[in-house]
N, C-alpha and C. Protein backbone atom coordinates (compact mmCIF):
# COMPACT_ATOMS: atom_id res chain seq x y z
N MET A 1 -43.68 29.96 203.02
CA MET A 1 -44.69 29.42 202.29
C MET A 1 -43.94 28.28 201.20
N ARG A 2 -42.72 28.64 200.48
CA ARG A 2 -42.52 27.84 199.50
C ARG A 2 -41.84 26.79 200.57
N GLU A 3 -41.21 27.28 201.31
CA GLU A 3 -40.41 25.95 202.63
C GLU A 3 -41.37 24.69 202.88
N LEU A 4 -42.69 25.33 203.20
CA LEU A 4 -43.74 24.45 203.72
C LEU A 4 -44.63 23.84 202.37
N GLY A 5 -43.97 24.07 201.32
CA GLY A 5 -44.73 23.63 200.48
C GLY A 5 -46.31 24.18 200.20
N LEU A 6 -46.40 25.57 200.71
CA LEU A 6 -47.88 26.02 200.72
C LEU A 6 -48.11 27.20 199.36
N LYS A 7 -49.09 27.06 198.93
CA LYS A 7 -49.28 27.57 197.78
C LYS A 7 -50.71 28.78 197.99
N PRO A 8 -50.15 29.88 197.80
CA PRO A 8 -51.48 30.97 198.07
C PRO A 8 -52.64 30.93 197.08
N CYS A 9 -53.76 31.14 197.43
CA CYS A 9 -55.01 31.05 196.90
C CYS A 9 -55.43 32.20 196.80
N GLN A 10 -56.10 32.69 195.58
CA GLN A 10 -56.93 33.92 195.50
C GLN A 10 -58.35 33.86 195.51
N PRO A 11 -59.26 34.61 195.91
CA PRO A 11 -60.65 34.21 195.71
C PRO A 11 -60.85 34.72 194.28
N ARG A 12 -61.90 34.07 193.52
CA ARG A 12 -62.08 34.46 192.34
C ARG A 12 -62.82 35.90 192.48
N PRO A 13 -62.63 36.83 191.32
CA PRO A 13 -63.15 38.20 191.63
C PRO A 13 -64.29 38.31 191.38
N TRP A 14 -65.26 39.16 191.96
CA TRP A 14 -66.70 39.39 191.98
C TRP A 14 -66.97 39.98 190.49
N ARG A 15 -67.84 39.41 189.69
CA ARG A 15 -68.37 40.38 188.69
C ARG A 15 -69.61 40.42 188.69
N LEU A 16 -70.11 41.72 188.50
CA LEU A 16 -71.38 42.09 188.36
C LEU A 16 -72.12 41.39 187.18
N GLY A 17 -73.18 40.86 187.15
CA GLY A 17 -74.05 40.11 186.41
C GLY A 17 -75.01 41.18 185.62
N LEU A 18 -75.23 41.54 184.40
CA LEU A 18 -75.90 42.30 184.06
C LEU A 18 -77.21 41.45 183.39
N THR A 19 -77.54 40.46 183.51
CA THR A 19 -78.87 39.91 183.16
C THR A 19 -79.67 39.83 184.45
N GLU A 20 -81.02 39.89 184.27
CA GLU A 20 -82.11 39.71 185.46
C GLU A 20 -81.81 38.41 186.18
N ALA A 21 -82.36 38.33 187.46
CA ALA A 21 -82.16 37.33 188.04
C ALA A 21 -83.35 36.06 187.64
N SER A 22 -84.20 36.45 187.08
CA SER A 22 -84.91 35.55 186.41
C SER A 22 -84.73 35.12 185.07
N ALA A 23 -83.31 35.44 184.80
CA ALA A 23 -82.91 34.98 183.15
C ALA A 23 -82.68 33.60 183.14
N HIS A 24 -82.12 32.87 184.34
CA HIS A 24 -81.77 31.60 184.39
C HIS A 24 -83.11 30.59 183.91
N LEU A 25 -84.37 31.10 184.35
CA LEU A 25 -85.54 30.59 184.20
C LEU A 25 -86.00 30.47 182.93
N LEU A 26 -85.49 31.09 181.96
CA LEU A 26 -86.00 31.20 180.76
C LEU A 26 -85.37 29.86 179.93
N PRO A 27 -86.09 29.21 179.10
CA PRO A 27 -85.47 27.89 178.16
C PRO A 27 -85.10 28.26 176.95
N ASP A 28 -84.23 27.26 176.47
CA ASP A 28 -83.70 27.22 175.28
C ASP A 28 -84.48 26.20 174.40
N LEU A 29 -85.65 27.08 173.61
CA LEU A 29 -86.46 26.07 172.80
C LEU A 29 -85.59 25.89 171.43
N VAL A 30 -84.90 26.59 171.23
CA VAL A 30 -84.24 26.12 169.77
C VAL A 30 -83.20 24.87 169.74
N ALA A 31 -82.22 25.35 170.69
CA ALA A 31 -81.19 23.91 170.82
C ALA A 31 -80.26 23.89 169.69
N ARG A 32 -80.01 24.86 169.39
CA ARG A 32 -79.18 25.07 168.03
C ARG A 32 -79.96 24.74 166.69
N ASP A 33 -81.10 24.33 166.71
CA ASP A 33 -81.65 24.07 165.44
C ASP A 33 -82.38 25.13 164.82
N PHE A 34 -82.13 25.64 164.02
CA PHE A 34 -82.30 26.94 163.47
C PHE A 34 -83.26 26.76 161.96
N THR A 35 -83.71 25.28 161.95
CA THR A 35 -84.60 25.30 160.95
C THR A 35 -86.16 25.34 161.07
N ALA A 36 -86.86 25.68 160.30
CA ALA A 36 -88.50 25.95 160.57
C ALA A 36 -89.31 25.26 159.50
N GLY A 37 -90.29 24.76 159.97
CA GLY A 37 -91.38 24.11 158.79
C GLY A 37 -91.99 24.99 158.04
N ALA A 38 -92.22 26.44 158.69
CA ALA A 38 -92.95 27.26 158.06
C ALA A 38 -92.25 28.73 158.35
N PRO A 39 -92.53 29.92 157.77
CA PRO A 39 -92.15 31.01 157.75
C PRO A 39 -92.85 31.80 159.36
N CYS A 40 -92.25 32.53 159.82
CA CYS A 40 -92.45 33.01 161.19
C CYS A 40 -92.79 32.15 162.28
N GLU A 41 -92.22 30.88 162.44
CA GLU A 41 -92.78 30.04 163.40
C GLU A 41 -91.65 30.08 164.42
N LYS A 42 -90.46 30.34 164.09
CA LYS A 42 -89.31 30.21 164.54
C LYS A 42 -88.19 31.56 164.18
N MET A 43 -87.77 32.49 165.07
CA MET A 43 -87.04 33.66 164.69
C MET A 43 -85.60 33.88 165.67
N VAL A 44 -84.87 34.44 165.52
CA VAL A 44 -83.78 34.71 166.13
C VAL A 44 -83.47 36.21 166.04
N GLY A 45 -83.11 36.59 167.03
CA GLY A 45 -82.29 38.06 167.33
C GLY A 45 -81.37 38.58 167.87
N ASP A 46 -80.47 39.65 167.63
CA ASP A 46 -79.18 40.03 168.08
C ASP A 46 -79.32 41.48 168.05
N ILE A 47 -78.21 41.97 168.43
CA ILE A 47 -77.80 43.31 168.43
C ILE A 47 -76.17 43.43 168.00
N THR A 48 -75.92 44.30 167.16
CA THR A 48 -74.52 44.63 166.80
C THR A 48 -74.46 46.17 166.69
N TYR A 49 -73.29 46.58 166.83
CA TYR A 49 -72.85 48.02 166.83
C TYR A 49 -72.07 48.25 165.35
N ILE A 50 -72.26 49.60 164.94
CA ILE A 50 -71.62 50.03 163.86
C ILE A 50 -71.10 51.52 164.11
N PRO A 51 -69.70 51.39 163.96
CA PRO A 51 -68.78 52.54 164.27
C PRO A 51 -69.12 53.74 163.38
N THR A 52 -69.65 54.93 163.95
CA THR A 52 -69.23 56.25 163.15
C THR A 52 -68.64 57.32 163.81
N TRP A 53 -68.38 58.44 162.93
CA TRP A 53 -67.54 59.37 163.49
C TRP A 53 -68.36 60.07 164.79
N GLU A 54 -69.95 59.88 164.79
CA GLU A 54 -70.74 60.49 165.70
C GLU A 54 -70.65 59.44 167.14
N GLY A 55 -70.07 58.34 166.93
CA GLY A 55 -70.33 57.33 167.91
C GLY A 55 -71.07 56.10 167.12
N TRP A 56 -71.27 55.15 168.49
CA TRP A 56 -71.71 53.84 167.70
C TRP A 56 -73.29 53.97 167.32
N VAL A 57 -73.81 53.31 166.40
CA VAL A 57 -75.05 53.02 166.03
C VAL A 57 -75.19 51.69 166.18
N TYR A 58 -76.42 51.27 166.74
CA TYR A 58 -76.65 50.24 167.36
C TYR A 58 -78.08 49.36 166.09
N LEU A 59 -77.95 48.24 165.81
CA LEU A 59 -78.73 47.67 164.96
C LEU A 59 -79.11 46.55 165.67
N ALA A 60 -80.58 46.40 165.77
CA ALA A 60 -81.07 45.04 166.10
C ALA A 60 -82.12 44.64 165.37
N THR A 61 -82.00 43.11 165.00
CA THR A 61 -82.62 42.54 163.87
C THR A 61 -83.18 41.21 164.54
N VAL A 62 -84.42 40.95 163.64
CA VAL A 62 -85.46 39.66 163.95
C VAL A 62 -85.28 39.00 162.48
N ILE A 63 -84.61 37.98 162.63
CA ILE A 63 -84.17 37.01 161.21
C ILE A 63 -85.44 35.79 161.38
N ASP A 64 -86.14 35.38 160.35
CA ASP A 64 -86.95 34.43 160.21
C ASP A 64 -86.08 33.11 159.70
N CYS A 65 -85.93 32.17 160.65
CA CYS A 65 -85.16 30.92 160.73
C CYS A 65 -85.87 29.93 159.33
N TYR A 66 -87.11 30.07 158.88
CA TYR A 66 -87.40 29.53 157.65
C TYR A 66 -86.77 30.23 156.20
N THR A 67 -86.80 31.35 156.17
CA THR A 67 -86.80 32.15 155.01
C THR A 67 -85.26 32.48 155.11
N LYS A 68 -84.82 32.85 156.36
CA LYS A 68 -83.27 33.25 156.43
C LYS A 68 -83.35 35.03 156.37
N ALA A 69 -84.35 35.50 156.25
CA ALA A 69 -84.49 36.79 155.91
C ALA A 69 -84.67 37.79 157.19
N VAL A 70 -84.11 38.99 157.11
CA VAL A 70 -84.50 39.89 157.98
C VAL A 70 -85.72 40.56 157.87
N ILE A 71 -86.43 40.04 158.90
CA ILE A 71 -88.07 40.59 158.93
C ILE A 71 -88.35 41.86 159.75
N GLY A 72 -87.59 42.18 160.66
CA GLY A 72 -87.64 43.29 161.42
C GLY A 72 -86.23 43.83 161.95
N TRP A 73 -86.24 44.91 162.15
CA TRP A 73 -84.74 45.60 162.36
C TRP A 73 -85.37 47.17 162.99
N ALA A 74 -84.41 47.42 163.70
CA ALA A 74 -84.23 48.99 164.46
C ALA A 74 -82.87 49.35 164.80
N MET A 75 -82.63 50.63 164.33
CA MET A 75 -81.37 50.94 164.52
C MET A 75 -81.60 52.35 165.76
N ALA A 76 -80.60 52.36 166.32
CA ALA A 76 -80.54 54.09 167.21
C ALA A 76 -79.33 54.02 168.07
N ASP A 77 -79.13 55.16 168.69
CA ASP A 77 -77.84 55.63 169.25
C ASP A 77 -77.65 55.04 170.58
N ASN A 78 -78.40 54.39 171.28
CA ASN A 78 -78.45 53.47 172.05
C ASN A 78 -79.02 52.23 172.17
N TYR A 79 -78.32 51.61 173.32
CA TYR A 79 -78.40 49.87 173.21
C TYR A 79 -79.40 50.04 174.57
N GLN A 80 -80.93 50.28 174.03
CA GLN A 80 -81.78 49.99 175.51
C GLN A 80 -82.74 49.06 174.71
N THR A 81 -83.69 48.70 175.78
CA THR A 81 -84.65 47.71 175.38
C THR A 81 -85.60 48.18 174.36
N PRO A 82 -86.33 49.35 174.27
CA PRO A 82 -86.98 49.89 173.08
C PRO A 82 -86.51 49.34 171.74
N LEU A 83 -85.24 49.23 171.76
CA LEU A 83 -84.73 49.12 170.39
C LEU A 83 -84.87 47.84 169.86
N ILE A 84 -84.89 46.99 170.42
CA ILE A 84 -85.23 45.34 170.26
C ILE A 84 -86.59 45.34 170.37
N GLU A 85 -87.38 45.98 171.22
CA GLU A 85 -89.04 45.96 170.71
C GLU A 85 -89.48 46.51 169.78
N ASP A 86 -88.64 47.68 169.31
CA ASP A 86 -89.15 47.93 167.62
C ASP A 86 -88.87 47.19 166.82
N ALA A 87 -87.71 46.44 166.88
CA ALA A 87 -87.45 45.25 165.58
C ALA A 87 -88.47 44.19 165.73
N ILE A 88 -88.69 43.87 167.00
CA ILE A 88 -89.67 42.49 166.81
C ILE A 88 -91.50 43.40 166.64
N ARG A 89 -91.66 44.23 166.92
CA ARG A 89 -92.76 44.87 166.80
C ARG A 89 -92.83 45.03 164.95
N MET A 90 -91.89 45.51 164.19
CA MET A 90 -91.83 45.71 163.26
C MET A 90 -92.06 44.34 162.35
N ALA A 91 -91.21 43.36 162.85
CA ALA A 91 -91.62 41.76 162.08
C ALA A 91 -93.02 41.32 162.34
N ALA A 92 -93.67 41.59 163.64
CA ALA A 92 -95.31 41.59 163.66
C ALA A 92 -95.89 42.29 162.95
N ARG A 93 -95.39 43.59 162.60
CA ARG A 93 -96.45 44.40 161.90
C ARG A 93 -96.47 44.01 160.51
N ASN A 94 -95.40 43.46 160.13
CA ASN A 94 -95.33 43.36 158.48
C ASN A 94 -95.43 41.88 158.24
N TYR A 95 -95.31 40.81 159.23
CA TYR A 95 -95.30 39.52 158.79
C TYR A 95 -96.28 38.73 159.64
N PRO A 96 -96.99 37.80 159.09
CA PRO A 96 -97.96 37.17 159.71
C PRO A 96 -97.46 36.02 160.85
N ILE A 97 -96.94 36.67 162.00
CA ILE A 97 -96.39 35.82 162.84
C ILE A 97 -97.27 34.72 163.57
N LYS A 98 -97.13 33.75 163.61
CA LYS A 98 -98.16 32.56 164.27
C LYS A 98 -97.78 32.91 165.82
N ARG A 99 -99.29 32.71 166.06
CA ARG A 99 -99.06 32.86 168.00
C ARG A 99 -98.50 31.42 168.22
N GLY A 100 -97.82 31.66 169.41
CA GLY A 100 -96.84 30.42 169.81
C GLY A 100 -95.51 30.28 169.53
N ALA A 101 -95.09 31.38 168.26
CA ALA A 101 -93.98 31.45 167.52
C ALA A 101 -92.73 31.58 168.69
N ILE A 102 -91.57 31.29 168.35
CA ILE A 102 -90.43 31.24 169.03
C ILE A 102 -89.65 32.37 168.43
N PHE A 103 -89.29 33.24 169.66
CA PHE A 103 -88.04 34.23 169.28
C PHE A 103 -87.06 33.79 170.38
N HIS A 104 -85.72 33.70 169.50
CA HIS A 104 -84.75 33.15 170.36
C HIS A 104 -83.52 34.03 170.30
N SER A 105 -82.68 34.45 171.22
CA SER A 105 -81.66 35.40 171.43
C SER A 105 -80.90 35.04 172.48
N ASP A 106 -79.91 35.74 172.73
CA ASP A 106 -78.76 35.53 173.60
C ASP A 106 -79.40 36.30 174.59
N ARG A 107 -78.14 35.79 176.19
CA ARG A 107 -79.21 36.50 177.44
C ARG A 107 -78.27 37.82 177.90
N GLY A 108 -78.43 38.59 176.58
CA GLY A 108 -78.18 40.04 177.08
C GLY A 108 -79.27 40.83 178.05
N SER A 109 -78.82 41.77 178.70
CA SER A 109 -79.78 42.39 179.53
C SER A 109 -81.01 42.55 179.31
N ASN A 110 -80.95 43.09 177.74
CA ASN A 110 -82.30 43.75 177.20
C ASN A 110 -82.93 42.66 176.89
N TYR A 111 -82.37 41.66 176.12
CA TYR A 111 -83.11 40.45 175.82
C TYR A 111 -84.05 39.41 177.06
N THR A 112 -83.44 39.80 178.22
CA THR A 112 -84.05 39.05 179.52
C THR A 112 -84.62 39.87 180.34
N SER A 113 -84.70 41.18 180.08
CA SER A 113 -85.59 42.23 180.88
C SER A 113 -87.46 41.81 180.50
N ALA A 114 -87.86 42.26 181.88
CA ALA A 114 -89.11 42.04 181.84
C ALA A 114 -89.90 42.75 181.10
N GLN A 115 -89.76 44.01 180.76
CA GLN A 115 -90.07 44.95 179.61
C GLN A 115 -89.90 44.24 178.36
N PHE A 116 -88.74 43.71 177.86
CA PHE A 116 -89.13 42.69 176.75
C PHE A 116 -89.78 41.46 176.73
N ALA A 117 -89.95 40.83 177.54
CA ALA A 117 -90.69 39.61 178.04
C ALA A 117 -92.35 39.84 177.77
N ASN A 118 -92.70 40.95 178.40
CA ASN A 118 -93.98 41.73 178.19
C ASN A 118 -94.53 41.96 176.91
N THR A 119 -93.58 42.33 176.07
CA THR A 119 -93.59 42.76 174.34
C THR A 119 -93.95 41.51 174.03
N LEU A 120 -93.08 40.43 173.95
CA LEU A 120 -93.10 39.28 173.37
C LEU A 120 -94.59 38.46 174.04
N ARG A 121 -94.71 38.77 175.08
CA ARG A 121 -95.95 37.97 175.61
C ARG A 121 -97.31 38.83 174.79
N SER A 122 -97.29 40.09 174.58
CA SER A 122 -98.33 40.66 174.04
C SER A 122 -98.63 40.29 172.56
N LEU A 123 -97.58 39.78 171.92
CA LEU A 123 -97.66 39.35 170.42
C LEU A 123 -97.67 38.26 170.51
N GLY A 124 -97.94 37.26 171.83
CA GLY A 124 -98.23 35.77 171.41
C GLY A 124 -97.04 35.01 171.12
N ILE A 125 -95.79 35.60 171.37
CA ILE A 125 -94.62 34.83 170.91
C ILE A 125 -93.78 34.36 172.31
N ARG A 126 -93.22 32.95 172.31
CA ARG A 126 -92.53 32.46 172.98
C ARG A 126 -90.95 33.01 173.20
N GLN A 127 -90.71 32.88 174.44
CA GLN A 127 -89.19 33.62 174.52
C GLN A 127 -88.34 32.54 174.81
N SER A 128 -87.07 32.48 174.02
CA SER A 128 -86.11 31.22 174.19
C SER A 128 -84.67 31.84 174.28
N VAL A 129 -83.74 31.72 174.94
CA VAL A 129 -82.39 32.00 175.24
C VAL A 129 -81.46 31.08 175.17
N GLY A 130 -80.24 31.39 174.39
CA GLY A 130 -79.24 30.18 174.66
C GLY A 130 -78.41 30.73 176.10
N ARG A 131 -77.47 29.64 175.94
CA ARG A 131 -76.50 29.56 177.34
C ARG A 131 -75.77 30.85 177.36
N THR A 132 -75.27 31.46 178.58
CA THR A 132 -74.17 32.39 178.62
C THR A 132 -73.10 32.17 178.16
N GLY A 133 -72.50 33.12 177.20
CA GLY A 133 -71.23 33.10 176.65
C GLY A 133 -70.97 31.98 175.84
N ILE A 134 -72.02 31.63 175.07
CA ILE A 134 -71.69 30.50 173.93
C ILE A 134 -72.35 31.08 172.64
N CYS A 135 -71.40 31.41 171.70
CA CYS A 135 -71.98 32.39 170.57
C CYS A 135 -72.87 31.23 169.65
N TYR A 136 -72.55 29.93 169.56
CA TYR A 136 -72.95 29.13 168.61
C TYR A 136 -74.61 28.66 169.06
N ASP A 137 -74.95 29.24 170.24
CA ASP A 137 -76.63 29.18 170.18
C ASP A 137 -77.40 30.08 169.85
N ASN A 138 -76.74 31.04 168.93
CA ASN A 138 -77.36 32.30 168.66
C ASN A 138 -76.79 32.44 167.19
N SER A 139 -75.96 31.24 166.61
CA SER A 139 -74.85 31.33 165.73
C SER A 139 -75.80 32.05 164.52
N MET A 140 -77.01 31.74 163.88
CA MET A 140 -77.60 32.31 163.01
C MET A 140 -77.58 33.74 163.10
N ALA A 141 -77.92 34.51 163.70
CA ALA A 141 -77.82 35.82 164.23
C ALA A 141 -76.49 36.32 163.92
N GLU A 142 -75.47 35.52 164.62
CA GLU A 142 -73.88 36.03 164.56
C GLU A 142 -73.48 36.05 163.40
N SER A 143 -73.98 34.85 162.62
CA SER A 143 -73.52 35.18 161.31
C SER A 143 -73.92 35.94 160.18
N PHE A 144 -75.04 36.33 160.48
CA PHE A 144 -75.63 37.36 159.54
C PHE A 144 -74.86 38.71 159.92
N PHE A 145 -74.74 39.14 161.34
CA PHE A 145 -73.79 40.28 161.30
C PHE A 145 -72.33 39.99 160.82
N GLY A 146 -71.65 39.02 161.02
CA GLY A 146 -70.29 38.72 160.53
C GLY A 146 -70.55 38.98 158.83
N THR A 147 -71.53 38.63 158.36
CA THR A 147 -71.71 38.81 156.89
C THR A 147 -71.56 40.05 156.54
N LEU A 148 -72.69 40.85 157.31
CA LEU A 148 -72.93 42.16 157.02
C LEU A 148 -71.61 42.95 157.31
N LYS A 149 -71.00 42.73 158.16
CA LYS A 149 -69.71 43.60 158.66
C LYS A 149 -68.68 43.22 157.69
N ASN A 150 -68.52 42.21 157.15
CA ASN A 150 -67.30 41.63 156.04
C ASN A 150 -67.74 42.47 154.78
N GLU A 151 -69.10 42.38 154.42
CA GLU A 151 -69.33 42.72 153.04
C GLU A 151 -69.97 44.36 152.71
N ARG A 152 -70.10 44.98 153.83
CA ARG A 152 -70.59 46.19 153.84
C ARG A 152 -69.86 47.15 154.88
N VAL A 153 -70.06 46.84 156.07
CA VAL A 153 -69.69 48.09 157.36
C VAL A 153 -67.82 48.12 157.27
N HIS A 154 -67.29 46.88 157.11
CA HIS A 154 -65.86 47.20 157.41
C HIS A 154 -65.52 47.89 155.97
N ARG A 155 -66.16 48.22 154.90
CA ARG A 155 -65.56 48.69 153.65
C ARG A 155 -65.71 50.10 153.53
N VAL A 156 -66.53 50.64 154.49
CA VAL A 156 -66.76 51.93 154.68
C VAL A 156 -66.52 52.59 155.91
N VAL A 157 -66.03 53.85 155.89
CA VAL A 157 -65.99 54.74 157.05
C VAL A 157 -67.68 55.81 156.84
N TYR A 158 -68.12 55.65 158.29
CA TYR A 158 -69.52 56.34 158.12
C TYR A 158 -69.24 57.70 159.22
N ALA A 159 -69.38 58.78 158.57
CA ALA A 159 -69.07 60.21 159.33
C ALA A 159 -70.41 60.25 160.25
N THR A 160 -71.49 59.89 159.98
CA THR A 160 -72.66 60.13 160.87
C THR A 160 -73.56 58.69 160.98
N ARG A 161 -74.41 58.83 161.69
CA ARG A 161 -75.45 57.93 161.92
C ARG A 161 -76.15 57.47 160.95
N LYS A 162 -76.88 58.59 160.45
CA LYS A 162 -77.69 58.91 159.11
C LYS A 162 -76.94 58.15 158.11
N GLN A 163 -75.65 58.59 157.76
CA GLN A 163 -75.01 57.95 156.67
C GLN A 163 -74.78 56.41 156.63
N ALA A 164 -74.68 55.83 157.87
CA ALA A 164 -74.60 54.42 158.29
C ALA A 164 -75.96 53.71 157.93
N MET A 165 -76.72 54.17 158.23
CA MET A 165 -78.29 53.92 157.88
C MET A 165 -78.58 54.08 156.79
N ALA A 166 -78.14 55.03 155.79
CA ALA A 166 -78.55 54.98 154.46
C ALA A 166 -77.70 53.95 153.79
N ASN A 167 -76.63 53.61 154.04
CA ASN A 167 -75.57 52.86 153.16
C ASN A 167 -76.12 51.36 153.77
N LEU A 168 -76.59 51.17 154.81
CA LEU A 168 -77.21 49.78 155.02
C LEU A 168 -78.62 49.57 154.43
N GLY A 169 -79.21 50.44 153.92
CA GLY A 169 -80.57 50.29 153.16
C GLY A 169 -81.66 50.32 154.49
N LEU A 170 -81.42 51.20 155.37
CA LEU A 170 -82.06 51.56 156.81
C LEU A 170 -82.40 52.57 156.85
N SER A 171 -83.13 53.56 156.06
CA SER A 171 -83.21 54.70 155.94
C SER A 171 -84.17 55.33 157.01
N ARG A 172 -84.63 54.81 158.09
CA ARG A 172 -85.65 55.52 159.41
C ARG A 172 -84.72 56.08 160.18
N SER A 173 -85.19 57.36 160.23
CA SER A 173 -84.54 58.13 161.44
C SER A 173 -84.42 57.84 162.55
N ILE A 174 -83.41 58.21 163.57
CA ILE A 174 -82.75 57.51 164.72
C ILE A 174 -83.88 58.30 165.80
């Protein structure tokens, strides 16, 4: 092959996609504009993990773009759709979310699931997602988690999930 000037080519490896097929149909209603004219009209959400000796504890948050406050959150020992549903339901229960408000997230499999879409629809919230693999499209949530981990999580070793929740001020049981 070298003598003939030929170069080998390899097909790209096939990778399993975790997002549902309909995920490409979801719009980006935020376009990296994390400002809002009033409370609870635009929100962002994401999930992060916190290490403990028992294993990971997952934290899902809902952040209001106007006040920059965490208005909903949930923690669990698993990364399943009910975790993010609990966070958005807490926000809707405790704050007057306007009908037609926007909830923006990344394209994680839980956020693009039909189950989560139905939950948002039942709350009168429009769904928005950023592009695949672009952290800037959800930078407000990413920034919050970066600060939380730098100022709190990375300074403590958590023996249990309950200890992590208590240290973060999130004392609800798993």
